[in-house]
């Protein structure tokens, strides 16, 4: 069986049909909008990029997934700290938080298992 494509069924490729190249997206300008008192939102290449929220004593920046990046004294420092979640510092921070969560969950599970085994061993004596 041979497949033949007809020229009428092929769409011409134009620049509007192609996704933006990675280099163009990476070098896109970050646009800031003040949404509310003490709250700024960033957009980059037409997509949500993160936000900065004013808190008591400073500013907290969050990436596009809502994960806190850090707390800063100045608004400009908080805005400039905004990076994607693939930024090495954010990746390391997320891995560290996941390790702590995993260790805590393991400790709670082992404790619960210990209580269950103790209760099972002591049940005949009650």
Protein backbone atom coordinates (compact mmCIF):
# COMPACT_ATOMS: atom_id res chain seq x y z
CA UNK A 1 0.00 0.00 0.00
CA UNK A 2 1.41 3.36 -1.01
CA UNK A 3 0.39 6.64 0.56
CA UNK A 4 0.26 9.62 -1.72
CA UNK A 5 -0.23 13.14 -0.44
CA UNK A 6 -2.05 15.57 -2.63
CA UNK A 7 -0.73 19.11 -2.90
CA UNK A 8 -4.18 20.52 -2.11
CA UNK A 9 -4.15 18.90 1.34
CA UNK A 10 -0.83 20.40 2.41
CA UNK A 11 -0.97 23.66 4.33
CA UNK A 12 1.71 26.20 3.58
CA UNK A 13 3.84 27.00 6.61
CA UNK A 14 3.89 30.68 7.49
CA UNK A 15 5.52 32.47 10.36
CA UNK A 16 2.13 32.88 12.07
CA UNK A 17 1.62 29.09 12.18
CA UNK A 18 4.95 28.39 13.85
CA UNK A 19 5.51 28.65 17.60
CA UNK A 20 7.91 31.32 18.74
CA UNK A 21 11.50 30.10 18.81
CA UNK A 22 12.95 29.42 22.25
CA UNK A 23 15.56 32.14 21.88
CA UNK A 24 12.90 34.76 21.12
CA UNK A 25 10.83 33.68 24.12
CA UNK A 26 13.86 33.71 26.42
CA UNK A 27 14.83 37.23 25.34
CA UNK A 28 11.26 38.56 25.49
CA UNK A 29 10.73 41.61 27.63
CA UNK A 30 9.00 41.19 30.98
CA UNK A 31 5.98 43.48 31.28
CA UNK A 32 4.76 44.52 34.75
CA UNK A 33 1.24 45.59 35.70
CA UNK A 34 0.14 46.93 39.08
CA UNK A 35 -3.06 44.97 39.68
CA UNK A 36 -3.91 46.13 43.19
CA UNK A 37 -2.36 48.08 46.04
CA UNK A 38 0.90 46.28 46.81
CA UNK A 39 0.51 43.61 44.09
CA UNK A 40 2.33 43.49 40.73
CA UNK A 41 1.97 40.84 38.01
CA UNK A 42 4.55 40.02 35.34
CA UNK A 43 3.90 38.80 31.80
CA UNK A 44 6.55 37.58 29.39
CA UNK A 45 5.92 36.69 25.74
CA UNK A 46 2.17 36.93 26.42
CA UNK A 47 2.18 34.43 29.28
CA UNK A 48 1.94 34.82 33.06
CA UNK A 49 5.46 34.96 34.46
CA UNK A 50 5.04 35.61 38.18
CA UNK A 51 4.14 38.26 40.72
CA UNK A 52 5.43 40.44 43.53
CA UNK A 53 3.36 41.00 46.67
CA UNK A 54 4.03 43.70 49.25
CA UNK A 55 4.12 42.31 52.79
CA UNK A 56 5.00 43.83 56.14
CA UNK A 57 8.63 44.87 55.91
CA UNK A 58 9.27 44.08 52.24
CA UNK A 59 8.22 42.30 49.08
CA UNK A 60 7.78 38.61 48.22
CA UNK A 61 8.30 37.45 44.65
CA UNK A 62 6.65 34.28 43.30
CA UNK A 63 7.33 32.44 40.07
CA UNK A 64 4.74 31.40 37.47
CA UNK A 65 3.70 28.42 39.63
CA UNK A 66 3.17 30.51 42.77
CA UNK A 67 6.28 29.19 44.48
CA UNK A 68 8.00 31.89 46.58
CA UNK A 69 11.39 32.90 45.25
CA UNK A 70 12.39 35.17 48.10
CA UNK A 71 11.71 38.15 50.31
CA UNK A 72 13.29 41.50 49.45
CA UNK A 73 13.49 44.98 50.98
CA UNK A 74 13.03 46.85 47.68
CA UNK A 75 10.42 46.41 44.96
CA UNK A 76 13.01 46.52 42.17
CA UNK A 77 15.07 43.77 43.84
CA UNK A 78 11.96 41.58 44.08
CA UNK A 79 11.05 42.22 40.43
CA UNK A 80 14.57 41.48 39.23
CA UNK A 81 14.66 38.20 41.17
CA UNK A 82 11.78 36.77 39.20
CA UNK A 83 12.92 33.76 37.20
CA UNK A 84 11.23 30.73 35.73
CA UNK A 85 11.04 27.53 37.75
CA UNK A 86 13.90 26.14 35.66
CA UNK A 87 16.27 28.74 37.10
CA UNK A 88 18.95 26.76 39.03
CA UNK A 89 18.31 28.43 42.39
CA UNK A 90 14.57 27.70 42.17
CA UNK A 91 15.19 24.10 41.12
CA UNK A 92 17.56 23.57 44.06
CA UNK A 93 15.07 25.16 46.46
CA UNK A 94 12.25 22.94 45.19
CA UNK A 95 14.38 19.79 45.48
CA UNK A 96 15.35 20.71 49.03
CA UNK A 97 11.69 21.29 49.97
CA UNK A 98 10.71 17.96 48.40
CA UNK A 99 13.43 16.14 50.36
CA UNK A 100 12.26 17.70 53.62
CA UNK A 101 8.63 16.75 52.84
CA UNK A 102 9.65 13.20 51.97
CA UNK A 103 11.68 12.84 55.19
CA UNK A 104 8.78 14.18 57.29
CA UNK A 105 6.28 11.84 55.59
CA UNK A 106 8.60 8.88 56.12
CA UNK A 107 9.03 9.71 59.81
CA UNK A 108 5.27 10.01 60.31
CA UNK A 109 4.69 6.71 58.47
CA UNK A 110 7.30 4.85 60.50
CA UNK A 111 5.82 6.23 63.73
CA UNK A 112 2.31 5.17 62.71
CA UNK A 113 3.57 1.69 61.79
CA UNK A 114 5.32 1.43 65.17
CA UNK A 115 2.11 2.35 67.01
CA UNK A 116 0.12 -0.16 64.96
CA UNK A 117 2.59 -2.98 65.68
CA UNK A 118 2.69 -2.09 69.37
CA UNK A 119 -1.11 -2.03 69.56
CA UNK A 120 -1.26 -5.41 67.81
CA UNK A 121 1.32 -6.93 70.15
CA UNK A 122 -0.41 -5.59 73.28
CA UNK A 123 -3.98 -6.43 72.19
CA UNK A 124 -3.98 -9.99 73.67
CA UNK A 125 -3.10 -8.60 77.10
CA UNK A 126 -6.02 -6.13 77.23
